[in-house]
Amino acid sequence: MPQYRWATLGCGVIGNELAQAMQDLGGSLYSVGNRTHEKALTFAEKYGISKVYDRPEDIFADPDVDIVYISTPHNTHIRYLLPALTAGKHVLCEKSITLNSRELNQARRCAREHGVVLAEAMTLYHMPVYKQLAELIHSGTLGPLRFIQMNFGSYKDYDMTNRFFNRSLAGGALLDIGVYALSFVRYFMSCQPDQIASQVRLAPTGVDEQAGILLQNREGEMATISLSLHAKQPKRGMAAFDKGYIEIYDYPRTDTATITYTADGRQQVLKAGSQAKALQYEIVDMEKAVAKGTTMYEDYTKDVMDLMTAIRARWGLTYPEEEQG
């Protein structure tokens, strides 16, 4: 497979994980850019990266960059996605990949027009244990899917100025943690949910701090999701089938799944991969997609974004970028 030169736009937690994952794979990031140039310089020194851009936009003008990883706040993603794709760069973008379906559709069109790969860095799609579960489900061993139950709750300081509750930074539970739960649901459901019911509790800033969501698709498969930014819950996913159910803890990056069979209560524990290698799996899968000229879970990404856009519309929750013009 060809050797690709990666640039990171963003030097936060994910940027650091990406740089470390590159080193663990025996390589390194080619270059780095950040909205604050000094942070980019510090990041480059830490990881031995030789090329630092004066401006984030300079990444896209660099002919030596093949793939850009974008990990800036998600309300800025579309601002960087379009010029990156237009410049012929393949892009792996942190979730949520955009604010809404309109932005995502615009980015997808741009990627197609310029013949490049655009993908959301949804870690669970790349974890080996999920790939094993998909094979088990497709074999028919568990029978048809009936119900999915999802929890994701964090306890964030009730500070309305931090990014989790800040409307100007597209804060809120749905885009920050709900995207994981919805991606899990879409991964296991046979088709997109077309019936949605929900309740929401808004923070003083107007963003969603807590929500309950109920989904159903045309096959009668159902899912419930509980989200909170101010009440700790286990990151637990459960998918119940006709002949057994799957339980997964820490589901965004899990390496273990427990299957309980309905007939006799027998349990089967699947272990595959390592949580510590989550970013490595994303890098490898992205490079395979680029080499083959294929997409990565593009339909799932679109379906999840369509769901989040529809849910927020029901809540009447918009962000400043969506209200301009």
Protein backbone atom coordinates (compact mmCIF):
# COMPACT_ATOMS: atom_id res chain seq x y z
CA MET A 1 0.00 0.00 0.00
CA PRO A 2 1.32 3.52 -0.76
CA GLN A 3 2.80 5.66 2.00
CA TYR A 4 0.54 8.60 2.69
CA ARG A 5 1.52 11.93 4.19
CA TRP A 6 -0.90 13.03 6.91
CA ALA A 7 -1.44 16.54 8.21
CA THR A 8 -3.39 17.26 11.37
CA LEU A 9 -5.52 20.35 11.75
CA GLY A 10 -6.01 20.65 15.48
CA CYS A 11 -3.68 19.97 18.41
CA GLY A 12 -6.11 18.94 21.13
CA VAL A 13 -6.67 15.54 22.73
CA ILE A 14 -7.48 13.80 19.46
CA GLY A 15 -4.57 15.46 17.67
CA ASN A 16 -2.23 14.07 20.31
CA GLU A 17 -3.79 10.62 20.06
CA LEU A 18 -3.39 10.72 16.28
CA ALA A 19 0.29 11.67 16.52
CA GLN A 20 0.94 8.88 19.02
CA ALA A 21 -0.94 6.36 16.89
CA MET A 22 1.15 7.31 13.88
CA GLN A 23 4.31 6.68 15.86
CA ASP A 24 2.97 3.36 17.15
CA LEU A 25 2.41 2.33 13.53
CA GLY A 26 6.04 3.10 12.78
CA GLY A 27 5.52 6.42 11.06
CA SER A 28 4.83 10.03 11.95
CA LEU A 29 2.65 12.94 11.00
CA TYR A 30 3.99 14.90 8.06
CA SER A 31 2.76 18.29 9.22
CA VAL A 32 0.57 20.20 11.64
CA GLY A 33 -1.62 23.27 11.59
CA ASN A 34 -3.70 24.93 14.27
CA ARG A 35 -5.76 28.06 14.72
CA THR A 36 -3.18 29.12 17.34
CA HIS A 37 0.24 28.94 15.68
CA GLU A 38 2.16 28.70 18.97
CA LYS A 39 0.26 25.53 19.90
CA ALA A 40 1.17 24.01 16.56
CA LEU A 41 4.85 24.76 17.18
CA THR A 42 4.71 23.13 20.62
CA PHE A 43 2.88 20.12 19.19
CA ALA A 44 5.44 19.73 16.39
CA GLU A 45 8.33 19.83 18.83
CA LYS A 46 6.67 17.18 21.02
CA TYR A 47 6.22 14.73 18.17
CA GLY A 48 9.20 15.58 15.99
CA ILE A 49 7.13 17.03 13.16
CA SER A 50 9.21 19.12 10.80
CA LYS A 51 6.52 21.11 9.00
CA VAL A 52 4.31 23.68 10.75
CA TYR A 53 1.96 26.01 8.87
CA ASP A 54 1.54 29.67 9.64
CA ARG A 55 -2.20 29.38 8.99
CA PRO A 56 -4.50 26.34 9.01
CA GLU A 57 -5.49 27.11 5.42
CA ASP A 58 -1.88 26.60 4.30
CA ILE A 59 -2.33 22.85 4.81
CA PHE A 60 -4.63 22.67 1.82
CA ALA A 61 -2.19 24.50 -0.47
CA ASP A 62 0.63 22.08 0.33
CA PRO A 63 0.96 19.66 -2.64
CA ASP A 64 2.75 17.11 -0.44
CA VAL A 65 -0.21 16.53 1.89
CA ASP A 66 -2.34 13.50 1.02
CA ILE A 67 -4.72 13.16 3.99
CA VAL A 68 -5.93 15.79 6.44
CA TYR A 69 -7.29 14.89 9.87
CA ILE A 70 -9.58 17.65 11.15
CA SER A 71 -10.14 17.79 14.91
CA THR A 72 -11.16 21.40 15.46
CA PRO A 73 -14.52 22.19 17.16
CA HIS A 74 -17.30 20.70 15.05
CA ASN A 75 -18.95 24.02 14.25
CA THR A 76 -15.75 24.90 12.33
CA HIS A 77 -15.56 21.67 10.31
CA ILE A 78 -17.37 22.82 7.18
CA ARG A 79 -15.12 25.89 7.08
CA TYR A 80 -12.12 23.59 6.61
CA LEU A 81 -13.73 20.63 4.85
CA LEU A 82 -14.66 22.48 1.68
CA PRO A 83 -11.25 24.02 0.92
CA ALA A 84 -9.47 20.79 1.85
CA LEU A 85 -11.64 18.68 -0.45
CA THR A 86 -11.48 21.27 -3.22
CA ALA A 87 -7.69 21.13 -3.01
CA GLY A 88 -7.83 17.39 -3.61
CA LYS A 89 -7.08 16.29 -0.06
CA HIS A 90 -8.63 13.18 1.44
CA VAL A 91 -10.20 14.07 4.78
CA LEU A 92 -10.85 12.16 7.99
CA CYS A 93 -12.91 14.47 10.18
CA GLU A 94 -13.80 14.24 13.85
CA LYS A 95 -17.39 13.73 14.83
CA SER A 96 -19.78 15.28 14.50
CA ILE A 97 -18.52 15.70 10.97
CA THR A 98 -20.74 18.76 10.37
CA LEU A 99 -23.47 20.67 12.17
CA ASN A 100 -26.31 19.43 10.00
CA SER A 101 -27.37 17.52 6.90
CA ARG A 102 -27.14 20.56 4.63
CA GLU A 103 -23.45 21.00 5.45
CA LEU A 104 -22.74 17.28 5.11
CA ASN A 105 -24.45 17.06 1.74
CA GLN A 106 -22.41 20.02 0.56
CA ALA A 107 -19.16 18.36 1.71
CA ARG A 108 -20.11 15.02 0.14
CA ARG A 109 -20.80 16.68 -3.21
CA CYS A 110 -17.45 18.44 -3.01
CA ALA A 111 -15.64 15.16 -2.26
CA ARG A 112 -17.27 13.44 -5.23
CA GLU A 113 -16.51 16.33 -7.58
CA HIS A 114 -12.83 16.22 -6.69
CA GLY A 115 -12.47 12.44 -6.46
CA VAL A 116 -11.36 12.25 -2.83
CA VAL A 117 -12.38 10.29 0.25
CA LEU A 118 -14.34 12.06 2.98
CA ALA A 119 -15.00 10.12 6.19
CA GLU A 120 -16.06 10.74 9.76
CA ALA A 121 -13.73 9.46 12.47
CA MET A 122 -16.38 7.32 14.17
CA THR A 123 -14.11 5.01 16.13
CA LEU A 124 -16.56 2.19 16.79
CA TYR A 125 -16.89 1.39 13.07
CA HIS A 126 -13.21 0.50 12.97
CA MET A 127 -12.85 -1.54 16.16
CA PRO A 128 -12.17 -5.23 15.36
CA VAL A 129 -14.79 -6.52 17.78
CA TYR A 130 -17.55 -4.71 15.87
CA LYS A 131 -16.40 -6.31 12.65
CA GLN A 132 -16.62 -9.72 14.31
CA LEU A 133 -20.10 -8.93 15.61
CA ALA A 134 -21.22 -7.93 12.12
CA GLU A 135 -20.08 -11.31 10.79
CA LEU A 136 -21.93 -13.12 13.58
CA ILE A 137 -25.14 -11.17 12.95
CA HIS A 138 -24.98 -11.68 9.20
CA SER A 139 -24.57 -15.43 9.75
CA GLY A 140 -28.09 -15.50 11.22
CA THR A 141 -26.97 -17.02 14.52
CA LEU A 142 -28.83 -14.41 16.56
CA GLY A 143 -31.87 -14.08 14.33
CA PRO A 144 -33.51 -10.73 13.54
CA LEU A 145 -32.86 -7.59 15.57
CA ARG A 146 -35.66 -6.51 17.90
CA PHE A 147 -34.48 -3.72 20.20
CA ILE A 148 -31.46 -1.55 21.03
CA GLN A 149 -30.87 0.29 24.29
CA MET A 150 -28.16 2.92 24.61
CA ASN A 151 -26.74 4.98 27.48
CA PHE A 152 -24.12 7.71 27.40
CA GLY A 153 -23.85 10.11 30.30
CA SER A 154 -21.02 12.41 31.28
CA TYR A 155 -20.75 14.66 34.31
CA LYS A 156 -19.43 18.00 33.11
CA ASP A 157 -18.90 21.02 35.33
CA TYR A 158 -22.04 23.12 35.05
CA ASP A 159 -20.10 25.97 33.50
CA MET A 160 -21.99 27.61 30.67
CA THR A 161 -18.77 28.99 29.17
CA ASN A 162 -17.14 25.63 28.44
CA ARG A 163 -17.57 24.01 25.04
CA PHE A 164 -20.09 21.41 26.23
CA PHE A 165 -22.72 24.02 27.07
CA ASN A 166 -21.55 26.85 24.81
CA ARG A 167 -24.01 27.50 22.00
CA SER A 168 -21.40 29.44 20.02
CA LEU A 169 -19.26 26.27 19.94
CA ALA A 170 -22.22 24.05 18.97
CA GLY A 171 -22.37 22.54 22.45
CA GLY A 172 -24.94 20.05 23.64
CA ALA A 173 -25.26 16.35 24.31
CA LEU A 174 -26.57 15.27 20.90
CA LEU A 175 -23.67 16.42 18.74
CA ASP A 176 -21.03 15.66 21.37
CA ILE A 177 -21.99 12.22 22.71
CA GLY A 178 -25.28 11.38 21.01
CA VAL A 179 -23.47 10.87 17.73
CA TYR A 180 -21.80 7.78 19.24
CA ALA A 181 -25.08 6.28 20.41
CA LEU A 182 -26.80 6.95 17.09
CA SER A 183 -23.86 5.48 15.18
CA PHE A 184 -24.13 2.31 17.28
CA VAL A 185 -27.86 2.13 16.55
CA ARG A 186 -27.35 2.60 12.82
CA TYR A 187 -24.55 0.03 12.73
CA PHE A 188 -26.87 -2.69 14.04
CA MET A 189 -30.19 -1.64 12.49
CA SER A 190 -31.00 -3.08 9.08
CA CYS A 191 -32.20 0.29 7.77
CA GLN A 192 -32.54 3.92 8.76
CA PRO A 193 -35.09 4.78 11.51
CA ASP A 194 -38.00 6.74 10.08
CA GLN A 195 -40.01 7.29 13.26
CA ILE A 196 -38.62 9.58 15.96
CA ALA A 197 -39.88 10.64 19.38
CA SER A 198 -37.87 12.52 21.98
CA GLN A 199 -37.77 14.64 25.08
CA VAL A 200 -35.10 17.20 25.91
CA ARG A 201 -33.91 19.28 28.84
CA LEU A 202 -32.13 22.45 27.77
CA ALA A 203 -29.25 24.11 29.61
CA PRO A 204 -29.49 27.83 30.43
CA THR A 205 -27.55 28.54 27.22
CA GLY A 206 -30.22 26.82 25.14
CA VAL A 207 -28.28 23.71 24.16
CA ASP A 208 -29.42 20.19 25.04
CA GLU A 209 -27.95 18.95 28.30
CA GLN A 210 -30.12 15.85 28.59
CA ALA A 211 -32.32 13.90 26.18
CA GLY A 212 -34.29 10.72 25.70
CA ILE A 213 -34.81 9.47 22.14
CA LEU A 214 -37.00 6.68 20.78
CA LEU A 215 -36.48 5.38 17.24
CA GLN A 216 -38.16 2.82 14.99
CA ASN A 217 -37.57 1.78 11.38
CA ARG A 218 -39.79 0.17 8.78
CA GLU A 219 -38.64 -3.29 9.86
CA GLY A 220 -40.06 -2.67 13.34
CA GLU A 221 -36.61 -2.51 14.93
CA MET A 222 -36.63 -0.09 17.84
CA ALA A 223 -34.04 1.79 19.89
CA THR A 224 -34.01 3.94 23.00
CA ILE A 225 -31.20 6.38 23.78
CA SER A 226 -30.53 8.31 26.99
CA LEU A 227 -27.99 11.13 26.93
CA SER A 228 -26.76 13.53 29.58
CA LEU A 229 -23.95 16.00 30.06
CA HIS A 230 -24.73 16.38 33.76
CA ALA A 231 -25.48 12.86 34.99
CA LYS A 232 -22.90 10.11 34.79
CA GLN A 233 -24.08 6.90 33.11
CA PRO A 234 -22.24 3.83 31.88
CA LYS A 235 -21.36 3.87 28.19
CA ARG A 236 -23.49 0.80 27.65
CA GLY A 237 -25.00 -0.52 24.45
CA MET A 238 -27.36 -3.49 24.24
CA ALA A 239 -28.73 -5.00 21.04
CA ALA A 240 -31.43 -7.64 21.53
CA PHE A 241 -32.09 -10.18 18.79
CA ASP A 242 -34.57 -13.03 18.52
CA LYS A 243 -32.08 -15.63 19.80
CA GLY A 244 -29.85 -13.58 22.09
CA TYR A 245 -28.59 -10.18 23.08
CA ILE A 246 -25.26 -8.37 22.85
CA GLU A 247 -23.96 -6.17 25.69
CA ILE A 248 -21.07 -3.76 25.22
CA TYR A 249 -19.56 -1.40 27.75
CA ASP A 250 -17.38 1.57 26.77
CA TYR A 251 -18.85 1.04 23.34
CA PRO A 252 -17.14 3.89 21.45
CA ARG A 253 -13.79 2.07 21.68
CA THR A 254 -14.61 -1.33 23.07
CA ASP A 255 -12.61 -4.51 22.55
CA THR A 256 -15.08 -6.81 24.31
CA ALA A 257 -18.68 -7.86 23.72
CA THR A 258 -20.78 -10.34 25.70
CA ILE A 259 -23.49 -12.36 23.95
CA THR A 260 -26.18 -14.07 26.01
CA TYR A 261 -28.22 -16.70 24.19
CA THR A 262 -31.95 -16.70 24.91
CA ALA A 263 -32.56 -20.46 24.82
CA ASP A 264 -30.21 -21.53 27.62
CA GLY A 265 -28.62 -18.36 29.05
CA ARG A 266 -25.22 -19.39 27.73
CA GLN A 267 -22.76 -16.52 27.45
CA GLN A 268 -20.12 -15.98 24.81
CA VAL A 269 -17.46 -13.33 25.26
CA LEU A 270 -15.90 -11.89 22.11
CA LYS A 271 -12.56 -10.14 22.44
CA ALA A 272 -10.79 -8.52 19.54
CA GLY A 273 -8.34 -5.69 19.14
CA SER A 274 -7.40 -3.20 21.81
CA GLN A 275 -8.98 0.02 23.03
CA ALA A 276 -5.52 1.58 23.08
CA LYS A 277 -5.20 1.08 19.32
CA ALA A 278 -8.46 2.78 18.34
CA LEU A 279 -6.81 5.57 16.36
CA GLN A 280 -4.49 3.10 14.69
CA TYR A 281 -7.47 1.17 13.31
CA GLU A 282 -8.95 4.41 11.95
CA ILE A 283 -5.66 5.32 10.25
CA VAL A 284 -5.27 1.90 8.65
CA ASP A 285 -8.87 1.78 7.41
CA MET A 286 -8.63 5.31 6.03
CA GLU A 287 -5.48 4.51 4.11
CA LYS A 288 -7.10 1.37 2.69
CA ALA A 289 -10.09 3.43 1.55
CA VAL A 290 -7.85 6.01 -0.10
CA ALA A 291 -5.81 3.30 -1.82
CA LYS A 292 -8.97 1.62 -3.18
CA GLY A 293 -10.84 4.85 -3.87
CA THR A 294 -13.78 3.73 -1.74
CA THR A 295 -15.80 5.40 0.99
CA MET A 296 -15.91 4.49 4.69
CA TYR A 297 -19.39 4.03 6.21
CA GLU A 298 -20.57 7.07 4.25
CA ASP A 299 -24.21 5.99 4.29
CA TYR A 300 -24.18 5.46 8.05
CA THR A 301 -22.62 8.89 8.55
CA LYS A 302 -25.34 10.48 6.42
CA ASP A 303 -28.14 8.59 8.19
CA VAL A 304 -26.86 9.61 11.63
CA MET A 305 -26.52 13.25 10.60
CA ASP A 306 -30.03 13.20 9.12
CA LEU A 307 -31.35 11.86 12.43
CA MET A 308 -29.56 14.50 14.49
CA THR A 309 -30.75 17.26 12.18
CA ALA A 310 -34.35 16.03 12.41
CA ILE A 311 -34.19 15.67 16.19
CA ARG A 312 -32.83 19.18 16.69
CA ALA A 313 -35.51 20.56 14.37
CA ARG A 314 -38.14 19.04 16.64
CA TRP A 315 -36.47 20.70 19.62
CA GLY A 316 -36.16 24.04 17.86
CA LEU A 317 -32.43 23.99 18.66
CA THR A 318 -30.23 25.87 16.22
CA TYR A 319 -26.70 27.27 16.30
CA PRO A 320 -25.51 30.73 15.26
CA GLU A 321 -24.00 29.43 12.00
CA GLU A 322 -27.39 28.02 11.02
CA GLU A 323 -29.17 31.32 11.66
CA GLN A 324 -26.96 33.49 9.48
CA GLY A 325 -28.39 34.62 6.18
